[in-house]
Amino acid sequence: MIEGPRLSEEFLNAFVDNQLDVDEKSRAYPIIQGNGDLNRQVCEIRKINDLVRLAYEAPPAPLRPLGRVQRMAARLSPVVRPVVPPLILVAGVCLGWGLRSTLWAPATVRPVAAPAATIARTTTTKVLFHLDSNSHAQMREVLRESASLLARYRAQGRPAKVEILADGPGLALLRVRTTPFAARIAQLKAEYPNLIFAACQNTIDRLARRKGIHAHLLPEAVIVPSAIAEIVHLQHLGWTYIRV
């Protein structure tokens, strides 16, 4: 779907709507962040999506009863009525001009914005991979994608953070007795301090309550209270969410 450094509008829409697979998103990050035009296009698509969502969510304003001025205008004769709006406009302009002399202050000079390419190099890319499956293939895939993304950004000298959040059956990735990738996780954590392995406390509690299993986690794992709360919190902070 990606062809060279040029990305179609259809692809960018799918990127914004989180409809791409892990491999496509991983390859798209450096292309979009390294291209000012694509960065702006993605921002515009997000703005349009937000405007459309807000347009459908916002209820129409209730009709208000006529105010005193409107009631007075309604009682005017048809001959006088057309003259009222221009008079109100002229009065408003005059009032605004009079206030201008007392309220006007020299405009503050705004600094010139940095080029998009420079911003892309200095802004930290933050990606959250959500694993809720105990499939060994999916575990292997999320580790591979995380390492590939971090290696690419390190080679380009660009900051990045990645979090692998395991909950439900996916907690098996971080349990000492069930993970097939303990050595790989230790290696990745040593190589990339900006890679976080997070386990859901709610899942740990459910295992203990329902099955009597006390989950022993790998030393590289940290515990978050709730996977859902973690996803919402990180997305609010600008992290890109990818469910594996």
C-alpha atoms as a PDB file:
ATOM      1  CA  MET A   1       0.000   0.000   0.000  1.00  0.00           C
ATOM      2  CA  ILE A   2       3.036   2.270   0.532  1.00  0.00           C
ATOM      3  CA  GLU A   3       4.816   3.161  -2.704  1.00  0.00           C
ATOM      4  CA  GLY A   4       8.044   5.092  -2.139  1.00  0.00           C
ATOM      5  CA  PRO A   5       7.934   8.392  -0.249  1.00  0.00           C
ATOM      6  CA  ARG A   6       4.559   9.386  -1.764  1.00  0.00           C
ATOM      7  CA  LEU A   7       1.490   8.300   0.159  1.00  0.00           C
ATOM      8  CA  SER A   8      -1.982   8.418  -1.327  1.00  0.00           C
ATOM      9  CA  GLU A   9      -4.813  10.336   0.307  1.00  0.00           C
ATOM     10  CA  GLU A  10      -6.611   7.027   0.830  1.00  0.00           C
ATOM     11  CA  PHE A  11      -3.598   5.692   2.737  1.00  0.00           C
ATOM     12  CA  LEU A  12      -3.341   8.820   4.918  1.00  0.00           C
ATOM     13  CA  ASN A  13      -7.043   8.579   5.786  1.00  0.00           C
ATOM     14  CA  ALA A  14      -6.544   4.939   6.790  1.00  0.00           C
ATOM     15  CA  PHE A  15      -3.506   5.994   8.869  1.00  0.00           C
ATOM     16  CA  VAL A  16      -5.518   8.631  10.747  1.00  0.00           C
ATOM     17  CA  ASP A  17      -8.460   6.229  11.265  1.00  0.00           C
ATOM     18  CA  ASN A  18      -6.081   3.526  12.643  1.00  0.00           C
ATOM     19  CA  GLN A  19      -7.081   1.062   9.904  1.00  0.00           C
ATOM     20  CA  LEU A  20      -3.563  -0.042   8.919  1.00  0.00           C
ATOM     21  CA  ASP A  21      -1.809  -3.182  10.060  1.00  0.00           C
ATOM     22  CA  VAL A  22       1.271  -3.049  12.268  1.00  0.00           C
ATOM     23  CA  ASP A  23       3.771  -3.385   9.425  1.00  0.00           C
ATOM     24  CA  GLU A  24       2.202  -0.620   7.340  1.00  0.00           C
ATOM     25  CA  LYS A  25       2.072   1.763  10.291  1.00  0.00           C
ATOM     26  CA  SER A  26       5.650   0.984  11.284  1.00  0.00           C
ATOM     27  CA  ARG A  27       6.903   1.828   7.785  1.00  0.00           C
ATOM     28  CA  ALA A  28       4.712   4.915   7.530  1.00  0.00           C
ATOM     29  CA  TYR A  29       5.961   6.680  10.698  1.00  0.00           C
ATOM     30  CA  PRO A  30       9.375   7.825   9.373  1.00  0.00           C
ATOM     31  CA  ILE A  31       7.907   8.792   5.979  1.00  0.00           C
ATOM     32  CA  ILE A  32       5.166  10.999   7.464  1.00  0.00           C
ATOM     33  CA  GLN A  33       7.264  12.535  10.223  1.00  0.00           C
ATOM     34  CA  GLY A  34      10.126  13.277   7.851  1.00  0.00           C
ATOM     35  CA  ASN A  35       7.920  15.040   5.288  1.00  0.00           C
ATOM     36  CA  GLY A  36       6.460  18.432   6.194  1.00  0.00           C
ATOM     37  CA  ASP A  37       3.748  18.265   3.539  1.00  0.00           C
ATOM     38  CA  LEU A  38       2.557  14.847   4.702  1.00  0.00           C
ATOM     39  CA  ASN A  39       2.610  16.031   8.320  1.00  0.00           C
ATOM     40  CA  ARG A  40       0.380  18.954   7.437  1.00  0.00           C
ATOM     41  CA  GLN A  41      -1.914  16.742   5.352  1.00  0.00           C
ATOM     42  CA  VAL A  42      -2.359  14.294   8.249  1.00  0.00           C
ATOM     43  CA  CYS A  43      -3.138  17.206  10.591  1.00  0.00           C
ATOM     44  CA  GLU A  44      -5.716  18.547   8.149  1.00  0.00           C
ATOM     45  CA  ILE A  45      -7.397  15.137   7.869  1.00  0.00           C
ATOM     46  CA  ARG A  46      -7.570  14.906  11.671  1.00  0.00           C
ATOM     47  CA  LYS A  47      -9.045  18.421  11.883  1.00  0.00           C
ATOM     48  CA  ILE A  48     -11.684  17.589   9.257  1.00  0.00           C
ATOM     49  CA  ASN A  49     -12.579  14.352  11.067  1.00  0.00           C
ATOM     50  CA  ASP A  50     -12.933  16.231  14.366  1.00  0.00           C
ATOM     51  CA  LEU A  51     -15.092  18.915  12.744  1.00  0.00           C
ATOM     52  CA  VAL A  52     -17.350  16.300  11.159  1.00  0.00           C
ATOM     53  CA  ARG A  53     -17.662  14.446  14.467  1.00  0.00           C
ATOM     54  CA  LEU A  54     -18.457  17.625  16.349  1.00  0.00           C
ATOM     55  CA  ALA A  55     -20.978  18.671  13.701  1.00  0.00           C
ATOM     56  CA  TYR A  56     -22.919  15.458  14.191  1.00  0.00           C
ATOM     57  CA  GLU A  57     -22.556  15.451  17.963  1.00  0.00           C
ATOM     58  CA  ALA A  58     -23.607  19.071  18.580  1.00  0.00           C
ATOM     59  CA  PRO A  59     -27.418  19.421  18.876  1.00  0.00           C
ATOM     60  CA  PRO A  60     -29.088  22.371  17.144  1.00  0.00           C
ATOM     61  CA  ALA A  61     -29.408  25.463  19.319  1.00  0.00           C
ATOM     62  CA  PRO A  62     -32.909  25.937  20.749  1.00  0.00           C
ATOM     63  CA  LEU A  63     -34.968  28.758  19.301  1.00  0.00           C
ATOM     64  CA  ARG A  64     -34.964  31.818  21.529  1.00  0.00           C
ATOM     65  CA  PRO A  65     -37.919  34.185  21.925  1.00  0.00           C
ATOM     66  CA  LEU A  66     -37.585  37.545  20.229  1.00  0.00           C
ATOM     67  CA  GLY A  67     -35.664  40.093  22.273  1.00  0.00           C
ATOM     68  CA  ARG A  68     -36.784  43.627  22.921  1.00  0.00           C
ATOM     69  CA  VAL A  69     -34.985  45.040  19.874  1.00  0.00           C
ATOM     70  CA  GLN A  70     -36.420  42.380  17.566  1.00  0.00           C
ATOM     71  CA  ARG A  71     -39.938  42.990  18.898  1.00  0.00           C
ATOM     72  CA  MET A  72     -39.584  46.721  18.305  1.00  0.00           C
ATOM     73  CA  ALA A  73     -38.302  46.159  14.773  1.00  0.00           C
ATOM     74  CA  ALA A  74     -41.182  43.809  14.031  1.00  0.00           C
ATOM     75  CA  ARG A  75     -43.670  46.590  14.891  1.00  0.00           C
ATOM     76  CA  LEU A  76     -42.051  49.074  12.480  1.00  0.00           C
ATOM     77  CA  SER A  77     -43.735  49.889   9.218  1.00  0.00           C
ATOM     78  CA  PRO A  78     -42.485  48.111   6.058  1.00  0.00           C
ATOM     79  CA  VAL A  79     -41.043  51.423   4.818  1.00  0.00           C
ATOM     80  CA  VAL A  80     -38.859  52.001   7.907  1.00  0.00           C
ATOM     81  CA  ARG A  81     -37.936  48.379   8.614  1.00  0.00           C
ATOM     82  CA  PRO A  82     -35.279  47.992   5.835  1.00  0.00           C
ATOM     83  CA  VAL A  83     -33.408  51.052   7.126  1.00  0.00           C
ATOM     84  CA  VAL A  84     -32.877  49.656  10.649  1.00  0.00           C
ATOM     85  CA  PRO A  85     -30.080  47.104   9.949  1.00  0.00           C
ATOM     86  CA  PRO A  86     -27.793  49.625   8.136  1.00  0.00           C
ATOM     87  CA  LEU A  87     -28.254  52.114  10.983  1.00  0.00           C
ATOM     88  CA  ILE A  88     -27.305  49.470  13.561  1.00  0.00           C
ATOM     89  CA  LEU A  89     -24.243  48.545  11.494  1.00  0.00           C
ATOM     90  CA  VAL A  90     -23.101  52.178  11.211  1.00  0.00           C
ATOM     91  CA  ALA A  91     -23.560  52.683  14.949  1.00  0.00           C
ATOM     92  CA  GLY A  92     -21.505  49.572  15.678  1.00  0.00           C
ATOM     93  CA  VAL A  93     -18.674  50.706  13.397  1.00  0.00           C
ATOM     94  CA  CYS A  94     -18.593  54.142  15.002  1.00  0.00           C
ATOM     95  CA  LEU A  95     -18.520  52.661  18.495  1.00  0.00           C
ATOM     96  CA  GLY A  96     -15.756  50.251  17.542  1.00  0.00           C
ATOM     97  CA  TRP A  97     -13.673  53.052  15.999  1.00  0.00           C
ATOM     98  CA  GLY A  98     -14.062  55.157  19.146  1.00  0.00           C
ATOM     99  CA  LEU A  99     -12.919  52.285  21.352  1.00  0.00           C
ATOM    100  CA  ARG A 100      -9.999  51.545  19.056  1.00  0.00           C
ATOM    101  CA  SER A 101      -8.073  54.656  20.116  1.00  0.00           C
ATOM    102  CA  THR A 102      -8.250  53.710  23.798  1.00  0.00           C
ATOM    103  CA  LEU A 103      -7.858  49.944  23.567  1.00  0.00           C
ATOM    104  CA  TRP A 104      -5.392  49.631  20.711  1.00  0.00           C
ATOM    105  CA  ALA A 105      -1.920  48.422  21.564  1.00  0.00           C
ATOM    106  CA  PRO A 106       1.008  47.522  19.303  1.00  0.00           C
ATOM    107  CA  ALA A 107       0.739  43.980  18.002  1.00  0.00           C
ATOM    108  CA  THR A 108       3.099  41.433  19.503  1.00  0.00           C
ATOM    109  CA  VAL A 109       5.589  40.089  16.996  1.00  0.00           C
ATOM    110  CA  ARG A 110       5.229  36.304  16.802  1.00  0.00           C
ATOM    111  CA  PRO A 111       8.318  34.155  16.366  1.00  0.00           C
ATOM    112  CA  VAL A 112       8.671  32.372  13.062  1.00  0.00           C
ATOM    113  CA  ALA A 113       7.529  28.758  13.370  1.00  0.00           C
ATOM    114  CA  ALA A 114      10.151  26.073  12.942  1.00  0.00           C
ATOM    115  CA  PRO A 115       9.988  24.031   9.720  1.00  0.00           C
ATOM    116  CA  ALA A 116       7.894  20.862   9.962  1.00  0.00           C
ATOM    117  CA  ALA A 117      10.920  18.677   9.173  1.00  0.00           C
ATOM    118  CA  THR A 118      12.809  20.155  12.162  1.00  0.00           C
ATOM    119  CA  ILE A 119       9.827  19.601  14.459  1.00  0.00           C
ATOM    120  CA  ALA A 120       9.546  15.991  13.260  1.00  0.00           C
ATOM    121  CA  ARG A 121      13.206  15.352  14.170  1.00  0.00           C
ATOM    122  CA  THR A 122      12.901  16.769  17.681  1.00  0.00           C
ATOM    123  CA  THR A 123       9.399  15.563  18.618  1.00  0.00           C
ATOM    124  CA  THR A 124       9.324  12.238  20.452  1.00  0.00           C
ATOM    125  CA  THR A 125       7.330   9.572  18.626  1.00  0.00           C
ATOM    126  CA  LYS A 126       5.310   7.534  21.140  1.00  0.00           C
ATOM    127  CA  VAL A 127       3.709   4.222  20.167  1.00  0.00           C
ATOM    128  CA  LEU A 128       1.597   1.920  22.337  1.00  0.00           C
ATOM    129  CA  PHE A 129       1.281  -1.725  21.246  1.00  0.00           C
ATOM    130  CA  HIS A 130      -1.619  -3.521  22.942  1.00  0.00           C
ATOM    131  CA  LEU A 131      -1.284  -7.307  23.212  1.00  0.00           C
ATOM    132  CA  ASP A 132      -4.334  -9.236  24.447  1.00  0.00           C
ATOM    133  CA  SER A 133      -3.541 -12.616  22.871  1.00  0.00           C
ATOM    134  CA  ASN A 134      -1.361 -15.514  24.050  1.00  0.00           C
ATOM    135  CA  SER A 135      -0.496 -16.459  20.464  1.00  0.00           C
ATOM    136  CA  HIS A 136       3.256 -16.991  20.189  1.00  0.00           C
ATOM    137  CA  ALA A 137       3.163 -15.617  16.642  1.00  0.00           C
ATOM    138  CA  GLN A 138       1.597 -12.356  17.826  1.00  0.00           C
ATOM    139  CA  MET A 139       4.030 -12.118  20.725  1.00  0.00           C
ATOM    140  CA  ARG A 140       6.929 -12.554  18.315  1.00  0.00           C
ATOM    141  CA  GLU A 141       5.411  -9.964  15.968  1.00  0.00           C
ATOM    142  CA  VAL A 142       4.983  -7.263  18.615  1.00  0.00           C
ATOM    143  CA  LEU A 143       8.571  -7.733  19.803  1.00  0.00           C
ATOM    144  CA  ARG A 144       9.847  -7.589  16.224  1.00  0.00           C
ATOM    145  CA  GLU A 145       7.841  -4.466  15.364  1.00  0.00           C
ATOM    146  CA  SER A 146       8.914  -2.675  18.532  1.00  0.00           C
ATOM    147  CA  ALA A 147      12.590  -3.443  17.953  1.00  0.00           C
ATOM    148  CA  SER A 148      12.356  -2.460  14.279  1.00  0.00           C
ATOM    149  CA  LEU A 149      10.685   0.865  15.073  1.00  0.00           C
ATOM    150  CA  LEU A 150      13.157   1.796  17.821  1.00  0.00           C
ATOM    151  CA  ALA A 151      16.159   0.771  15.716  1.00  0.00           C
ATOM    152  CA  ARG A 152      14.967   2.876  12.778  1.00  0.00           C
ATOM    153  CA  TYR A 153      14.440   5.967  14.895  1.00  0.00           C
ATOM    154  CA  ARG A 154      17.764   5.515  16.683  1.00  0.00           C
ATOM    155  CA  ALA A 155      19.564   5.280  13.330  1.00  0.00           C
ATOM    156  CA  GLN A 156      17.891   8.525  12.250  1.00  0.00           C
ATOM    157  CA  GLY A 157      18.777  10.277  15.500  1.00  0.00           C
ATOM    158  CA  ARG A 158      15.113  10.849  16.332  1.00  0.00           C
ATOM    159  CA  PRO A 159      13.609  10.280  19.814  1.00  0.00           C
ATOM    160  CA  ALA A 160      10.991   7.553  20.256  1.00  0.00           C
ATOM    161  CA  LYS A 161       9.231   5.656  23.037  1.00  0.00           C
ATOM    162  CA  VAL A 162       7.426   2.326  22.753  1.00  0.00           C
ATOM    163  CA  GLU A 163       5.223   0.591  25.303  1.00  0.00           C
ATOM    164  CA  ILE A 164       4.021  -3.007  25.001  1.00  0.00           C
ATOM    165  CA  LEU A 165       0.899  -3.333  27.149  1.00  0.00           C
ATOM    166  CA  ALA A 166      -0.120  -6.915  27.973  1.00  0.00           C
ATOM    167  CA  ASP A 167      -3.508  -7.781  29.399  1.00  0.00           C
ATOM    168  CA  GLY A 168      -5.973 -10.676  29.298  1.00  0.00           C
ATOM    169  CA  PRO A 169      -4.370 -13.726  27.656  1.00  0.00           C
ATOM    170  CA  GLY A 170      -1.570 -11.431  26.472  1.00  0.00           C
ATOM    171  CA  LEU A 171      -0.194 -11.317  30.022  1.00  0.00           C
ATOM    172  CA  ALA A 172       1.443 -14.661  29.199  1.00  0.00           C
ATOM    173  CA  LEU A 173       4.170 -12.679  27.413  1.00  0.00           C
ATOM    174  CA  LEU A 174       5.369 -11.223  30.726  1.00  0.00           C
ATOM    175  CA  ARG A 175       4.777 -14.183  33.078  1.00  0.00           C
ATOM    176  CA  VAL A 176       7.863 -16.137  34.083  1.00  0.00           C
ATOM    177  CA  ARG A 177       6.175 -19.535  33.671  1.00  0.00           C
ATOM    178  CA  THR A 178       4.397 -18.906  30.374  1.00  0.00           C
ATOM    179  CA  THR A 179       6.542 -16.629  28.233  1.00  0.00           C
ATOM    180  CA  PRO A 180       8.651 -18.177  25.476  1.00  0.00           C
ATOM    181  CA  PHE A 181      10.553 -14.898  24.992  1.00  0.00           C
ATOM    182  CA  ALA A 182      12.148 -14.137  28.377  1.00  0.00           C
ATOM    183  CA  ALA A 183      15.667 -13.898  26.922  1.00  0.00           C
ATOM    184  CA  ARG A 184      14.504 -11.740  24.011  1.00  0.00           C
ATOM    185  CA  ILE A 185      12.662  -9.358  26.349  1.00  0.00           C
ATOM    186  CA  ALA A 186      15.740  -9.001  28.586  1.00  0.00           C
ATOM    187  CA  GLN A 187      17.889  -8.303  25.520  1.00  0.00           C
ATOM    188  CA  LEU A 188      15.492  -5.679  24.131  1.00  0.00           C
ATOM    189  CA  LYS A 189      15.129  -3.914  27.486  1.00  0.00           C
ATOM    190  CA  ALA A 190      18.908  -3.727  27.879  1.00  0.00           C
ATOM    191  CA  GLU A 191      19.311  -2.389  24.334  1.00  0.00           C
ATOM    192  CA  TYR A 192      16.389   0.054  24.422  1.00  0.00           C
ATOM    193  CA  PRO A 193      15.746   1.718  27.815  1.00  0.00           C
ATOM    194  CA  ASN A 194      12.887   3.625  26.114  1.00  0.00           C
ATOM    195  CA  LEU A 195      10.985   0.338  25.611  1.00  0.00           C
ATOM    196  CA  ILE A 196       8.412  -0.342  28.335  1.00  0.00           C
ATOM    197  CA  PHE A 197       6.805  -3.697  29.123  1.00  0.00           C
ATOM    198  CA  ALA A 198       3.571  -3.072  31.065  1.00  0.00           C
ATOM    199  CA  ALA A 199       1.293  -5.651  32.699  1.00  0.00           C
ATOM    200  CA  CYS A 200      -2.347  -5.045  33.675  1.00  0.00           C
ATOM    201  CA  GLN A 201      -3.056  -5.332  37.419  1.00  0.00           C
ATOM    202  CA  ASN A 202      -6.719  -6.137  36.736  1.00  0.00           C
ATOM    203  CA  THR A 203      -5.675  -9.197  34.728  1.00  0.00           C
ATOM    204  CA  ILE A 204      -3.300 -10.286  37.500  1.00  0.00           C
ATOM    205  CA  ASP A 205      -6.110  -9.960  40.051  1.00  0.00           C
ATOM    206  CA  ARG A 206      -8.544 -11.946  37.870  1.00  0.00           C
ATOM    207  CA  LEU A 207      -6.061 -14.803  37.533  1.00  0.00           C
ATOM    208  CA  ALA A 208      -5.698 -14.968  41.316  1.00  0.00           C
ATOM    209  CA  ARG A 209      -9.432 -14.666  41.978  1.00  0.00           C
ATOM    210  CA  ARG A 210     -10.777 -17.026  39.313  1.00  0.00           C
ATOM    211  CA  LYS A 211      -7.993 -19.577  38.875  1.00  0.00           C
ATOM    212  CA  GLY A 212      -5.893 -19.258  42.020  1.00  0.00           C
ATOM    213  CA  ILE A 213      -2.853 -18.351  39.888  1.00  0.00           C
ATOM    214  CA  HIS A 214      -0.347 -15.906  41.366  1.00  0.00           C
ATOM    215  CA  ALA A 215       1.382 -14.416  38.333  1.00  0.00           C
ATOM    216  CA  HIS A 216       5.148 -14.013  38.673  1.00  0.00           C
ATOM    217  CA  LEU A 217       6.302 -11.410  36.183  1.00  0.00           C
ATOM    218  CA  LEU A 218       9.611 -10.931  34.430  1.00  0.00           C
ATOM    219  CA  PRO A 219      11.909  -8.356  36.096  1.00  0.00           C
ATOM    220  CA  GLU A 220      11.581  -6.114  33.012  1.00  0.00           C
ATOM    221  CA  ALA A 221       7.811  -5.734  33.511  1.00  0.00           C
ATOM    222  CA  VAL A 222       6.086  -2.839  35.246  1.00  0.00           C
ATOM    223  CA  ILE A 223       2.483  -2.971  36.485  1.00  0.00           C
ATOM    224  CA  VAL A 224      -0.256  -0.516  35.540  1.00  0.00           C
ATOM    225  CA  PRO A 225      -3.597  -0.547  37.407  1.00  0.00           C
ATOM    226  CA  SER A 226      -5.805  -0.976  34.328  1.00  0.00           C
ATOM    227  CA  ALA A 227      -5.083  -1.628  30.657  1.00  0.00           C
ATOM    228  CA  ILE A 228      -8.089   0.427  29.537  1.00  0.00           C
ATOM    229  CA  ALA A 229      -7.117   3.366  31.740  1.00  0.00           C
ATOM    230  CA  GLU A 230      -3.541   3.163  30.443  1.00  0.00           C
ATOM    231  CA  ILE A 231      -4.704   3.205  26.812  1.00  0.00           C
ATOM    232  CA  VAL A 232      -6.981   6.202  27.373  1.00  0.00           C
ATOM    233  CA  HIS A 233      -4.313   8.072  29.343  1.00  0.00           C
ATOM    234  CA  LEU A 234      -1.543   7.565  26.776  1.00  0.00           C
ATOM    235  CA  GLN A 235      -3.783   8.425  23.834  1.00  0.00           C
ATOM    236  CA  HIS A 236      -4.690  11.638  25.624  1.00  0.00           C
ATOM    237  CA  LEU A 237      -0.940  12.388  25.838  1.00  0.00           C
ATOM    238  CA  GLY A 238      -0.518  11.875  22.092  1.00  0.00           C
ATOM    239  CA  TRP A 239       0.593   8.247  21.910  1.00  0.00           C
ATOM    240  CA  THR A 240      -0.309   6.262  18.807  1.00  0.00           C
ATOM    241  CA  TYR A 241      -2.354   3.180  19.746  1.00  0.00           C
ATOM    242  CA  ILE A 242      -1.937  -0.105  17.846  1.00  0.00           C
ATOM    243  CA  ARG A 243      -3.734  -3.276  18.843  1.00  0.00           C
ATOM    244  CA  VAL A 244      -1.762  -6.366  17.889  1.00  0.00           C
END
